[in-house]
PDB file of N, CA and C in Angstrom:
ATOM      1  N   MET A   1      41.005  53.788   7.082  1.00  0.00           N
ATOM      2  CA  MET A   1      42.106  54.709   7.167  1.00  0.00           C
ATOM      3  C   MET A   1      42.994  54.299   8.337  1.00  0.00           C
ATOM      4  N   GLN A   2      44.284  54.167   8.092  1.00  0.00           N
ATOM      5  CA  GLN A   2      45.230  53.753   9.124  1.00  0.00           C
ATOM      6  C   GLN A   2      46.024  54.978   9.567  1.00  0.00           C
ATOM      7  N   LEU A   3      46.019  55.247  10.883  1.00  0.00           N
ATOM      8  CA  LEU A   3      46.671  56.441  11.399  1.00  0.00           C
ATOM      9  C   LEU A   3      48.126  56.205  11.799  1.00  0.00           C
ATOM     10  N   THR A   4      48.481  54.981  12.087  1.00  0.00           N
ATOM     11  CA  THR A   4      49.859  54.690  12.478  1.00  0.00           C
ATOM     12  C   THR A   4      50.427  53.641  11.535  1.00  0.00           C
ATOM     13  N   PRO A   5      51.729  53.721  11.273  1.00  0.00           N
ATOM     14  CA  PRO A   5      52.339  52.698  10.422  1.00  0.00           C
ATOM     15  C   PRO A   5      52.167  51.318  11.045  1.00  0.00           C
ATOM     16  N   LYS A   6      52.072  50.329  10.181  1.00  0.00           N
ATOM     17  CA  LYS A   6      51.887  48.954  10.650  1.00  0.00           C
ATOM     18  C   LYS A   6      53.013  48.602  11.617  1.00  0.00           C
ATOM     19  N   GLY A   7      52.655  48.035  12.740  1.00  0.00           N
ATOM     20  CA  GLY A   7      53.632  47.614  13.738  1.00  0.00           C
ATOM     21  C   GLY A   7      53.908  48.667  14.802  1.00  0.00           C
ATOM     22  N   GLU A   8      53.677  49.947  14.508  1.00  0.00           N
ATOM     23  CA  GLU A   8      53.965  51.000  15.481  1.00  0.00           C
ATOM     24  C   GLU A   8      53.043  50.885  16.687  1.00  0.00           C
ATOM     25  N   ALA A   9      51.779  50.587  16.468  1.00  0.00           N
ATOM     26  CA  ALA A   9      50.836  50.433  17.578  1.00  0.00           C
ATOM     27  C   ALA A   9      51.275  49.298  18.482  1.00  0.00           C
ATOM     28  N   ASP A  10      51.783  48.195  17.901  1.00  0.00           N
ATOM     29  CA  ASP A  10      52.266  47.080  18.705  1.00  0.00           C
ATOM     30  C   ASP A  10      53.469  47.501  19.538  1.00  0.00           C
ATOM     31  N   ALA A  11      54.358  48.304  18.965  1.00  0.00           N
ATOM     32  CA  ALA A  11      55.546  48.754  19.688  1.00  0.00           C
ATOM     33  C   ALA A  11      55.147  49.615  20.880  1.00  0.00           C
ATOM     34  N   VAL A  12      54.157  50.482  20.703  1.00  0.00           N
ATOM     35  CA  VAL A  12      53.712  51.339  21.790  1.00  0.00           C
ATOM     36  C   VAL A  12      53.041  50.511  22.872  1.00  0.00           C
ATOM     37  N   SER A  13      52.214  49.563  22.492  1.00  0.00           N
ATOM     38  CA  SER A  13      51.508  48.764  23.491  1.00  0.00           C
ATOM     39  C   SER A  13      52.452  47.863  24.270  1.00  0.00           C
ATOM     40  N   ASN A  14      53.608  47.537  23.717  1.00  0.00           N
ATOM     41  CA  ASN A  14      54.569  46.686  24.409  1.00  0.00           C
ATOM     42  C   ASN A  14      55.657  47.483  25.127  1.00  0.00           C
ATOM     43  N   ALA A  15      55.620  48.796  25.029  1.00  0.00           N
ATOM     44  CA  ALA A  15      56.645  49.635  25.660  1.00  0.00           C
ATOM     45  C   ALA A  15      56.506  49.589  27.172  1.00  0.00           C
ATOM     46  N   ASN A  16      57.615  49.715  27.850  1.00  0.00           N
ATOM     47  CA  ASN A  16      57.616  49.769  29.309  1.00  0.00           C
ATOM     48  C   ASN A  16      57.717  51.230  29.739  1.00  0.00           C
ATOM     49  N   PHE A  17      56.693  51.700  30.423  1.00  0.00           N
ATOM     50  CA  PHE A  17      56.676  53.064  30.907  1.00  0.00           C
ATOM     51  C   PHE A  17      56.858  53.050  32.416  1.00  0.00           C
ATOM     52  N   ALA A  18      57.665  53.978  32.905  1.00  0.00           N
ATOM     53  CA  ALA A  18      57.832  54.108  34.346  1.00  0.00           C
ATOM     54  C   ALA A  18      56.568  54.718  34.931  1.00  0.00           C
ATOM     55  N   PRO A  19      56.156  54.273  36.117  1.00  0.00           N
ATOM     56  CA  PRO A  19      54.964  54.867  36.722  1.00  0.00           C
ATOM     57  C   PRO A  19      55.216  56.333  37.059  1.00  0.00           C
ATOM     58  N   HIS A  20      54.181  57.135  36.940  1.00  0.00           N
ATOM     59  CA  HIS A  20      54.277  58.564  37.257  1.00  0.00           C
ATOM     60  C   HIS A  20      54.313  58.739  38.767  1.00  0.00           C
ATOM     61  N   ASP A  21      55.219  59.557  39.247  1.00  0.00           N
ATOM     62  CA  ASP A  21      55.287  59.877  40.669  1.00  0.00           C
ATOM     63  C   ASP A  21      55.473  61.378  40.799  1.00  0.00           C
ATOM     64  N   SER A  22      54.457  62.053  41.284  1.00  0.00           N
ATOM     65  CA  SER A  22      54.507  63.504  41.428  1.00  0.00           C
ATOM     66  C   SER A  22      55.661  63.959  42.312  1.00  0.00           C
ATOM     67  N   ALA A  23      56.109  63.099  43.220  1.00  0.00           N
ATOM     68  CA  ALA A  23      57.196  63.465  44.131  1.00  0.00           C
ATOM     69  C   ALA A  23      58.459  63.860  43.370  1.00  0.00           C
ATOM     70  N   HIS A  24      58.654  63.308  42.185  1.00  0.00           N
ATOM     71  CA  HIS A  24      59.854  63.628  41.398  1.00  0.00           C
ATOM     72  C   HIS A  24      59.870  65.075  40.926  1.00  0.00           C
ATOM     73  N   TYR A  25      58.723  65.736  40.896  1.00  0.00           N
ATOM     74  CA  TYR A  25      58.626  67.095  40.383  1.00  0.00           C
ATOM     75  C   TYR A  25      58.595  68.148  41.485  1.00  0.00           C
ATOM     76  N   LEU A  26      58.585  67.704  42.728  1.00  0.00           N
ATOM     77  CA  LEU A  26      58.506  68.631  43.858  1.00  0.00           C
ATOM     78  C   LEU A  26      59.916  68.923  44.365  1.00  0.00           C
ATOM     79  N   GLU A  27      60.639  69.720  43.610  1.00  0.00           N
ATOM     80  CA  GLU A  27      62.044  69.970  43.921  1.00  0.00           C
ATOM     81  C   GLU A  27      62.274  71.276  44.670  1.00  0.00           C
ATOM     82  N   THR A  28      61.283  72.155  44.736  1.00  0.00           N
ATOM     83  CA  THR A  28      61.445  73.435  45.419  1.00  0.00           C
ATOM     84  C   THR A  28      60.283  73.644  46.382  1.00  0.00           C
ATOM     85  N   GLU A  29      60.494  74.563  47.322  1.00  0.00           N
ATOM     86  CA  GLU A  29      59.423  74.905  48.257  1.00  0.00           C
ATOM     87  C   GLU A  29      58.222  75.476  47.507  1.00  0.00           C
ATOM     88  N   GLU A  30      58.496  76.237  46.453  1.00  0.00           N
ATOM     89  CA  GLU A  30      57.411  76.817  45.670  1.00  0.00           C
ATOM     90  C   GLU A  30      56.590  75.730  44.988  1.00  0.00           C
ATOM     91  N   ALA A  31      57.264  74.708  44.457  1.00  0.00           N
ATOM     92  CA  ALA A  31      56.561  73.606  43.799  1.00  0.00           C
ATOM     93  C   ALA A  31      55.714  72.831  44.802  1.00  0.00           C
ATOM     94  N   ILE A  32      56.253  72.612  45.989  1.00  0.00           N
ATOM     95  CA  ILE A  32      55.509  71.896  47.027  1.00  0.00           C
ATOM     96  C   ILE A  32      54.286  72.714  47.444  1.00  0.00           C
ATOM     97  N   ALA A  33      54.477  74.018  47.655  1.00  0.00           N
ATOM     98  CA  ALA A  33      53.363  74.871  48.053  1.00  0.00           C
ATOM     99  C   ALA A  33      52.273  74.890  46.990  1.00  0.00           C
ATOM    100  N   ALA A  34      52.669  74.992  45.722  1.00  0.00           N
ATOM    101  CA  ALA A  34      51.688  75.003  44.632  1.00  0.00           C
ATOM    102  C   ALA A  34      50.946  73.669  44.560  1.00  0.00           C
ATOM    103  N   PHE A  35      51.665  72.580  44.739  1.00  0.00           N
ATOM    104  CA  PHE A  35      51.065  71.241  44.725  1.00  0.00           C
ATOM    105  C   PHE A  35      50.016  71.135  45.831  1.00  0.00           C
ATOM    106  N   LEU A  36      50.383  71.518  47.057  1.00  0.00           N
ATOM    107  CA  LEU A  36      49.453  71.402  48.175  1.00  0.00           C
ATOM    108  C   LEU A  36      48.287  72.371  48.043  1.00  0.00           C
ATOM    109  N   GLU A  37      48.524  73.534  47.475  1.00  0.00           N
ATOM    110  CA  GLU A  37      47.422  74.480  47.227  1.00  0.00           C
ATOM    111  C   GLU A  37      46.412  73.863  46.264  1.00  0.00           C
ATOM    112  N   GLY A  38      46.922  73.218  45.221  1.00  0.00           N
ATOM    113  CA  GLY A  38      46.039  72.546  44.278  1.00  0.00           C
ATOM    114  C   GLY A  38      45.265  71.417  44.927  1.00  0.00           C
ATOM    115  N   VAL A  39      45.927  70.685  45.802  1.00  0.00           N
ATOM    116  CA  VAL A  39      45.264  69.594  46.525  1.00  0.00           C
ATOM    117  C   VAL A  39      44.122  70.141  47.367  1.00  0.00           C
ATOM    118  N   MET A  40      44.370  71.239  48.068  1.00  0.00           N
ATOM    119  CA  MET A  40      43.324  71.800  48.920  1.00  0.00           C
ATOM    120  C   MET A  40      42.169  72.340  48.097  1.00  0.00           C
ATOM    121  N   GLU A  41      42.461  72.877  46.915  1.00  0.00           N
ATOM    122  CA  GLU A  41      41.391  73.361  46.041  1.00  0.00           C
ATOM    123  C   GLU A  41      40.578  72.201  45.483  1.00  0.00           C
ATOM    124  N   ASP A  42      41.273  71.118  45.107  1.00  0.00           N
ATOM    125  CA  ASP A  42      40.602  69.991  44.459  1.00  0.00           C
ATOM    126  C   ASP A  42      39.892  69.070  45.440  1.00  0.00           C
ATOM    127  N   GLY A  43      40.495  68.830  46.601  1.00  0.00           N
ATOM    128  CA  GLY A  43      39.912  67.837  47.493  1.00  0.00           C
ATOM    129  C   GLY A  43      40.168  68.104  48.948  1.00  0.00           C
ATOM    130  N   GLY A  44      40.201  69.366  49.334  1.00  0.00           N
ATOM    131  CA  GLY A  44      40.507  69.736  50.706  1.00  0.00           C
ATOM    132  C   GLY A  44      39.541  69.206  51.738  1.00  0.00           C
ATOM    133  N   ASP A  45      38.336  68.829  51.313  1.00  0.00           N
ATOM    134  CA  ASP A  45      37.375  68.290  52.275  1.00  0.00           C
ATOM    135  C   ASP A  45      37.466  66.771  52.381  1.00  0.00           C
ATOM    136  N   ASP A  46      38.414  66.168  51.676  1.00  0.00           N
ATOM    137  CA  ASP A  46      38.617  64.722  51.726  1.00  0.00           C
ATOM    138  C   ASP A  46      39.930  64.440  52.446  1.00  0.00           C
ATOM    139  N   PRO A  47      39.887  64.033  53.721  1.00  0.00           N
ATOM    140  CA  PRO A  47      41.119  63.839  54.480  1.00  0.00           C
ATOM    141  C   PRO A  47      42.054  62.794  53.861  1.00  0.00           C
ATOM    142  N   ALA A  48      41.511  61.778  53.214  1.00  0.00           N
ATOM    143  CA  ALA A  48      42.356  60.755  52.590  1.00  0.00           C
ATOM    144  C   ALA A  48      43.139  61.352  51.425  1.00  0.00           C
ATOM    145  N   TYR A  49      42.508  62.222  50.666  1.00  0.00           N
ATOM    146  CA  TYR A  49      43.157  62.890  49.528  1.00  0.00           C
ATOM    147  C   TYR A  49      44.311  63.768  50.020  1.00  0.00           C
ATOM    148  N   VAL A  50      44.048  64.515  51.099  1.00  0.00           N
ATOM    149  CA  VAL A  50      45.078  65.383  51.681  1.00  0.00           C
ATOM    150  C   VAL A  50      46.211  64.540  52.247  1.00  0.00           C
ATOM    151  N   ALA A  51      45.894  63.443  52.931  1.00  0.00           N
ATOM    152  CA  ALA A  51      46.927  62.570  53.504  1.00  0.00           C
ATOM    153  C   ALA A  51      47.802  61.975  52.403  1.00  0.00           C
ATOM    154  N   ARG A  52      47.187  61.552  51.292  1.00  0.00           N
ATOM    155  CA  ARG A  52      47.982  61.007  50.181  1.00  0.00           C
ATOM    156  C   ARG A  52      48.891  62.084  49.601  1.00  0.00           C
ATOM    157  N   ALA A  53      48.388  63.304  49.506  1.00  0.00           N
ATOM    158  CA  ALA A  53      49.207  64.407  48.985  1.00  0.00           C
ATOM    159  C   ALA A  53      50.389  64.685  49.907  1.00  0.00           C
ATOM    160  N   LEU A  54      50.145  64.647  51.218  1.00  0.00           N
ATOM    161  CA  LEU A  54      51.251  64.828  52.161  1.00  0.00           C
ATOM    162  C   LEU A  54      52.264  63.699  52.016  1.00  0.00           C
ATOM    163  N   GLY A  55      51.781  62.508  51.701  1.00  0.00           N
ATOM    164  CA  GLY A  55      52.690  61.381  51.451  1.00  0.00           C
ATOM    165  C   GLY A  55      53.563  61.625  50.236  1.00  0.00           C
ATOM    166  N   VAL A  56      53.000  62.236  49.194  1.00  0.00           N
ATOM    167  CA  VAL A  56      53.790  62.575  47.999  1.00  0.00           C
ATOM    168  C   VAL A  56      54.886  63.564  48.377  1.00  0.00           C
ATOM    169  N   VAL A  57      54.521  64.571  49.177  1.00  0.00           N
ATOM    170  CA  VAL A  57      55.514  65.558  49.605  1.00  0.00           C
ATOM    171  C   VAL A  57      56.570  64.889  50.479  1.00  0.00           C
ATOM    172  N   ALA A  58      56.133  63.987  51.338  1.00  0.00           N
ATOM    173  CA  ALA A  58      57.078  63.274  52.203  1.00  0.00           C
ATOM    174  C   ALA A  58      58.072  62.471  51.380  1.00  0.00           C
ATOM    175  N   ARG A  59      57.603  61.842  50.306  1.00  0.00           N
ATOM    176  CA  ARG A  59      58.523  61.086  49.446  1.00  0.00           C
ATOM    177  C   ARG A  59      59.499  62.014  48.735  1.00  0.00           C
ATOM    178  N   ALA A  60      59.052  63.238  48.494  1.00  0.00           N
ATOM    179  CA  ALA A  60      59.917  64.208  47.837  1.00  0.00           C
ATOM    180  C   ALA A  60      61.040  64.663  48.772  1.00  0.00           C
ATOM    181  N   ARG A  61      60.835  64.502  50.047  1.00  0.00           N
ATOM    182  CA  ARG A  61      61.837  64.861  51.044  1.00  0.00           C
ATOM    183  C   ARG A  61      62.315  63.586  51.732  1.00  0.00           C
ATOM    184  N   MET A  62      63.280  63.718  52.541  1.00  0.00           N
ATOM    185  CA  MET A  62      63.775  62.545  53.276  1.00  0.00           C
ATOM    186  C   MET A  62      62.738  62.157  54.326  1.00  0.00           C
ATOM    187  N   LEU A  63      62.172  60.980  54.192  1.00  0.00           N
ATOM    188  CA  LEU A  63      61.095  60.524  55.062  1.00  0.00           C
ATOM    189  C   LEU A  63      61.528  60.464  56.523  1.00  0.00           C
ATOM    190  N   THR A  64      62.722  59.971  56.786  1.00  0.00           N
ATOM    191  CA  THR A  64      63.192  59.851  58.164  1.00  0.00           C
ATOM    192  C   THR A  64      63.349  61.221  58.804  1.00  0.00           C
ATOM    193  N   GLN A  65      63.914  62.166  58.052  1.00  0.00           N
ATOM    194  CA  GLN A  65      64.082  63.514  58.593  1.00  0.00           C
ATOM    195  C   GLN A  65      62.724  64.151  58.864  1.00  0.00           C
ATOM    196  N   LEU A  66      61.788  63.923  57.966  1.00  0.00           N
ATOM    197  CA  LEU A  66      60.447  64.454  58.156  1.00  0.00           C
ATOM    198  C   LEU A  66      59.823  63.879  59.427  1.00  0.00           C
ATOM    199  N   ALA A  67      59.971  62.593  59.635  1.00  0.00           N
ATOM    200  CA  ALA A  67      59.426  61.955  60.835  1.00  0.00           C
ATOM    201  C   ALA A  67      60.045  62.580  62.090  1.00  0.00           C
ATOM    202  N   ASN A  68      61.359  62.790  62.065  1.00  0.00           N
ATOM    203  CA  ASN A  68      62.025  63.424  63.207  1.00  0.00           C
ATOM    204  C   ASN A  68      61.478  64.827  63.448  1.00  0.00           C
ATOM    205  N   ASN A  69      61.308  65.594  62.372  1.00  0.00           N
ATOM    206  CA  ASN A  69      60.788  66.952  62.495  1.00  0.00           C
ATOM    207  C   ASN A  69      59.369  66.965  63.062  1.00  0.00           C
ATOM    208  N   ALA A  70      58.593  65.941  62.752  1.00  0.00           N
ATOM    209  CA  ALA A  70      57.213  65.843  63.227  1.00  0.00           C
ATOM    210  C   ALA A  70      57.124  65.238  64.623  1.00  0.00           C
ATOM    211  N   GLY A  71      58.266  64.789  65.180  1.00  0.00           N
ATOM    212  CA  GLY A  71      58.250  64.167  66.496  1.00  0.00           C
ATOM    213  C   GLY A  71      57.622  62.791  66.472  1.00  0.00           C
ATOM    214  N   MET A  72      57.782  62.101  65.338  1.00  0.00           N
ATOM    215  CA  MET A  72      57.194  60.776  65.156  1.00  0.00           C
ATOM    216  C   MET A  72      58.291  59.812  64.721  1.00  0.00           C
ATOM    217  N   SER A  73      58.012  58.523  64.856  1.00  0.00           N
ATOM    218  CA  SER A  73      58.921  57.537  64.265  1.00  0.00           C
ATOM    219  C   SER A  73      58.587  57.430  62.775  1.00  0.00           C
ATOM    220  N   ARG A  74      59.517  56.908  62.013  1.00  0.00           N
ATOM    221  CA  ARG A  74      59.278  56.711  60.587  1.00  0.00           C
ATOM    222  C   ARG A  74      58.035  55.847  60.375  1.00  0.00           C
ATOM    223  N   ARG A  75      57.919  54.789  61.176  1.00  0.00           N
ATOM    224  CA  ARG A  75      56.775  53.875  61.069  1.00  0.00           C
ATOM    225  C   ARG A  75      55.461  54.601  61.368  1.00  0.00           C
ATOM    226  N   GLU A  76      55.460  55.457  62.411  1.00  0.00           N
ATOM    227  CA  GLU A  76      54.249  56.226  62.730  1.00  0.00           C
ATOM    228  C   GLU A  76      53.879  57.160  61.588  1.00  0.00           C
ATOM    229  N   LEU A  77      54.898  57.804  61.007  1.00  0.00           N
ATOM    230  CA  LEU A  77      54.642  58.723  59.897  1.00  0.00           C
ATOM    231  C   LEU A  77      54.048  57.977  58.711  1.00  0.00           C
ATOM    232  N   ILE A  78      54.651  56.875  58.329  1.00  0.00           N
ATOM    233  CA  ILE A  78      54.130  56.084  57.206  1.00  0.00           C
ATOM    234  C   ILE A  78      52.709  55.621  57.507  1.00  0.00           C
ATOM    235  N   GLY A  79      52.477  55.172  58.741  1.00  0.00           N
ATOM    236  CA  GLY A  79      51.141  54.744  59.129  1.00  0.00           C
ATOM    237  C   GLY A  79      50.128  55.865  59.020  1.00  0.00           C
ATOM    238  N   ALA A  80      50.521  57.075  59.460  1.00  0.00           N
ATOM    239  CA  ALA A  80      49.608  58.222  59.403  1.00  0.00           C
ATOM    240  C   ALA A  80      49.285  58.599  57.972  1.00  0.00           C
ATOM    241  N   LEU A  81      50.261  58.459  57.076  1.00  0.00           N
ATOM    242  CA  LEU A  81      50.057  58.852  55.686  1.00  0.00           C
ATOM    243  C   LEU A  81      49.314  57.807  54.869  1.00  0.00           C
ATOM    244  N   THR A  82      49.295  56.589  55.350  1.00  0.00           N
ATOM    245  CA  THR A  82      48.649  55.519  54.587  1.00  0.00           C
ATOM    246  C   THR A  82      47.445  54.926  55.308  1.00  0.00           C
ATOM    247  N   ALA A  83      47.074  55.486  56.440  1.00  0.00           N
ATOM    248  CA  ALA A  83      45.991  54.933  57.252  1.00  0.00           C
ATOM    249  C   ALA A  83      44.656  54.975  56.518  1.00  0.00           C
ATOM    250  N   ASP A  84      43.858  53.980  56.789  1.00  0.00           N
ATOM    251  CA  ASP A  84      42.498  53.946  56.280  1.00  0.00           C
ATOM    252  C   ASP A  84      41.611  53.515  57.441  1.00  0.00           C
ATOM    253  N   PRO A  85      40.896  54.374  58.104  1.00  0.00           N
ATOM    254  CA  PRO A  85      40.649  55.763  57.743  1.00  0.00           C
ATOM    255  C   PRO A  85      41.908  56.616  57.908  1.00  0.00           C
ATOM    256  N   PRO A  86      41.920  57.769  57.245  1.00  0.00           N
ATOM    257  CA  PRO A  86      43.111  58.616  57.254  1.00  0.00           C
ATOM    258  C   PRO A  86      43.409  59.191  58.633  1.00  0.00           C
ATOM    259  N   ALA A  87      44.610  59.720  58.756  1.00  0.00           N
ATOM    260  CA  ALA A  87      45.031  60.352  60.001  1.00  0.00           C
ATOM    261  C   ALA A  87      44.066  61.475  60.371  1.00  0.00           C
ATOM    262  N   ASP A  88      43.977  61.726  61.670  1.00  0.00           N
ATOM    263  CA  ASP A  88      43.100  62.824  62.102  1.00  0.00           C
ATOM    264  C   ASP A  88      43.721  64.174  61.745  1.00  0.00           C
ATOM    265  N   ALA A  89      42.941  65.211  61.894  1.00  0.00           N
ATOM    266  CA  ALA A  89      43.386  66.549  61.502  1.00  0.00           C
ATOM    267  C   ALA A  89      44.606  66.995  62.297  1.00  0.00           C
ATOM    268  N   ALA A  90      44.689  66.636  63.575  1.00  0.00           N
ATOM    269  CA  ALA A  90      45.837  67.034  64.395  1.00  0.00           C
ATOM    270  C   ALA A  90      47.128  66.408  63.872  1.00  0.00           C
ATOM    271  N   THR A  91      47.065  65.134  63.482  1.00  0.00           N
ATOM    272  CA  THR A  91      48.248  64.463  62.946  1.00  0.00           C
ATOM    273  C   THR A  91      48.627  65.057  61.600  1.00  0.00           C
ATOM    274  N   ALA A  92      47.635  65.321  60.753  1.00  0.00           N
ATOM    275  CA  ALA A  92      47.912  65.940  59.448  1.00  0.00           C
ATOM    276  C   ALA A  92      48.547  67.311  59.641  1.00  0.00           C
ATOM    277  N   ALA A  93      48.072  68.086  60.618  1.00  0.00           N
ATOM    278  CA  ALA A  93      48.640  69.406  60.888  1.00  0.00           C
ATOM    279  C   ALA A  93      50.067  69.284  61.401  1.00  0.00           C
ATOM    280  N   LYS A  94      50.335  68.282  62.237  1.00  0.00           N
ATOM    281  CA  LYS A  94      51.691  68.053  62.756  1.00  0.00           C
ATOM    282  C   LYS A  94      52.651  67.741  61.612  1.00  0.00           C
ATOM    283  N   ILE A  95      52.214  66.906  60.682  1.00  0.00           N
ATOM    284  CA  ILE A  95      53.046  66.547  59.528  1.00  0.00           C
ATOM    285  C   ILE A  95      53.258  67.780  58.643  1.00  0.00           C
ATOM    286  N   ALA A  96      52.202  68.550  58.425  1.00  0.00           N
ATOM    287  CA  ALA A  96      52.326  69.762  57.608  1.00  0.00           C
ATOM    288  C   ALA A  96      53.323  70.728  58.237  1.00  0.00           C
ATOM    289  N   ARG A  97      53.259  70.905  59.570  1.00  0.00           N
ATOM    290  CA  ARG A  97      54.215  71.791  60.247  1.00  0.00           C
ATOM    291  C   ARG A  97      55.636  71.289  60.073  1.00  0.00           C
ATOM    292  N   ALA A  98      55.847  69.977  60.146  1.00  0.00           N
ATOM    293  CA  ALA A  98      57.176  69.403  59.957  1.00  0.00           C
ATOM    294  C   ALA A  98      57.684  69.647  58.540  1.00  0.00           C
ATOM    295  N   LEU A  99      56.756  69.796  57.596  1.00  0.00           N
ATOM    296  CA  LEU A  99      57.116  70.105  56.209  1.00  0.00           C
ATOM    297  C   LEU A  99      57.336  71.603  56.014  1.00  0.00           C
ATOM    298  N   GLY A 100      57.126  72.367  57.084  1.00  0.00           N
ATOM    299  CA  GLY A 100      57.261  73.812  56.970  1.00  0.00           C
ATOM    300  C   GLY A 100      56.033  74.460  56.360  1.00  0.00           C
ATOM    301  N   MET A 101      54.900  73.781  56.423  1.00  0.00           N
ATOM    302  CA  MET A 101      53.653  74.264  55.849  1.00  0.00           C
ATOM    303  C   MET A 101      52.624  74.420  56.960  1.00  0.00           C
ATOM    304  N   SER A 102      51.530  75.087  56.649  1.00  0.00           N
ATOM    305  CA  SER A 102      50.411  75.165  57.577  1.00  0.00           C
ATOM    306  C   SER A 102      49.126  75.175  56.776  1.00  0.00           C
ATOM    307  N   PHE A 103      48.061  74.749  57.424  1.00  0.00           N
ATOM    308  CA  PHE A 103      46.748  74.798  56.802  1.00  0.00           C
ATOM    309  C   PHE A 103      46.145  76.156  57.099  1.00  0.00           C
ATOM    310  N   ILE A 104      45.568  76.766  56.109  1.00  0.00           N
ATOM    311  CA  ILE A 104      44.904  78.045  56.280  1.00  0.00           C
ATOM    312  C   ILE A 104      43.469  77.868  55.819  1.00  0.00           C
ATOM    313  N   ILE A 105      42.554  78.239  56.668  1.00  0.00           N
ATOM    314  CA  ILE A 105      41.142  78.147  56.320  1.00  0.00           C
ATOM    315  C   ILE A 105      40.677  79.550  55.950  1.00  0.00           C
ATOM    316  N   THR A 106      40.128  79.666  54.759  1.00  0.00           N
ATOM    317  CA  THR A 106      39.631  80.956  54.301  1.00  0.00           C
ATOM    318  C   THR A 106      38.176  80.796  53.891  1.00  0.00           C
ATOM    319  N   PRO A 107      37.404  81.852  54.048  1.00  0.00           N
ATOM    320  CA  PRO A 107      35.989  81.746  53.648  1.00  0.00           C
ATOM    321  C   PRO A 107      35.885  81.629  52.130  1.00  0.00           C
ATOM    322  N   GLU A 108      34.911  80.860  51.709  1.00  0.00           N
ATOM    323  CA  GLU A 108      34.645  80.742  50.280  1.00  0.00           C
ATOM    324  C   GLU A 108      33.944  82.007  49.824  1.00  0.00           C
ATOM    325  N   VAL A 109      34.265  82.431  48.641  1.00  0.00           N
ATOM    326  CA  VAL A 109      33.605  83.593  48.067  1.00  0.00           C
ATOM    327  C   VAL A 109      32.310  83.105  47.438  1.00  0.00           C
ATOM    328  N   LYS A 110      31.226  83.595  47.950  1.00  0.00           N
ATOM    329  CA  LYS A 110      29.916  83.199  47.434  1.00  0.00           C
ATOM    330  C   LYS A 110      29.482  84.186  46.360  1.00  0.00           C
ATOM    331  N   GLN A 111      28.963  83.646  45.291  1.00  0.00           N
ATOM    332  CA  GLN A 111      28.452  84.476  44.223  1.00  0.00           C
ATOM    333  C   GLN A 111      27.128  85.083  44.681  1.00  0.00           C
ATOM    334  N   THR A 112      27.004  86.365  44.533  1.00  0.00           N
ATOM    335  CA  THR A 112      25.723  87.016  44.831  1.00  0.00           C
ATOM    336  C   THR A 112      25.091  87.400  43.516  1.00  0.00           C
ATOM    337  N   HIS A 113      23.831  87.203  43.448  1.00  0.00           N
ATOM    338  CA  HIS A 113      23.093  87.516  42.231  1.00  0.00           C
ATOM    339  C   HIS A 113      22.379  88.840  42.404  1.00  0.00           C
ATOM    340  N   ALA A 114      22.616  89.761  41.470  1.00  0.00           N
ATOM    341  CA  ALA A 114      21.933  91.050  41.509  1.00  0.00           C
ATOM    342  C   ALA A 114      20.477  90.857  41.168  1.00  0.00           C
ATOM    343  N   ARG A 115      19.633  91.608  41.819  1.00  0.00           N
ATOM    344  CA  ARG A 115      18.190  91.507  41.552  1.00  0.00           C
ATOM    345  C   ARG A 115      17.738  92.681  40.785  1.00  0.00           C
TER     346      ARG A 115
END
């Protein structure tokens, strides 16, 4: 059984697709906040994951202006966002503040089992 017309599969496999960049969808403060909230839910304990997410937000905004707001040079900002190992928590917090964001630590809700 053939699911696609002959030649269509070849056309799809040879198509040029632009790479996905989440930064293109972060056009409002609400979108940025929702994106970062999702990042913290999905990988908040992984500093590299958080740093990459901040890099996406930085690309969504003017990188140079963000660096100025954070009191860093553009090169320092790029280095902090791409460092391996990732930037320390103080640097990540400084960048978040420059983005107009803050980290909030809340207790996890633990499930209690009735006896």
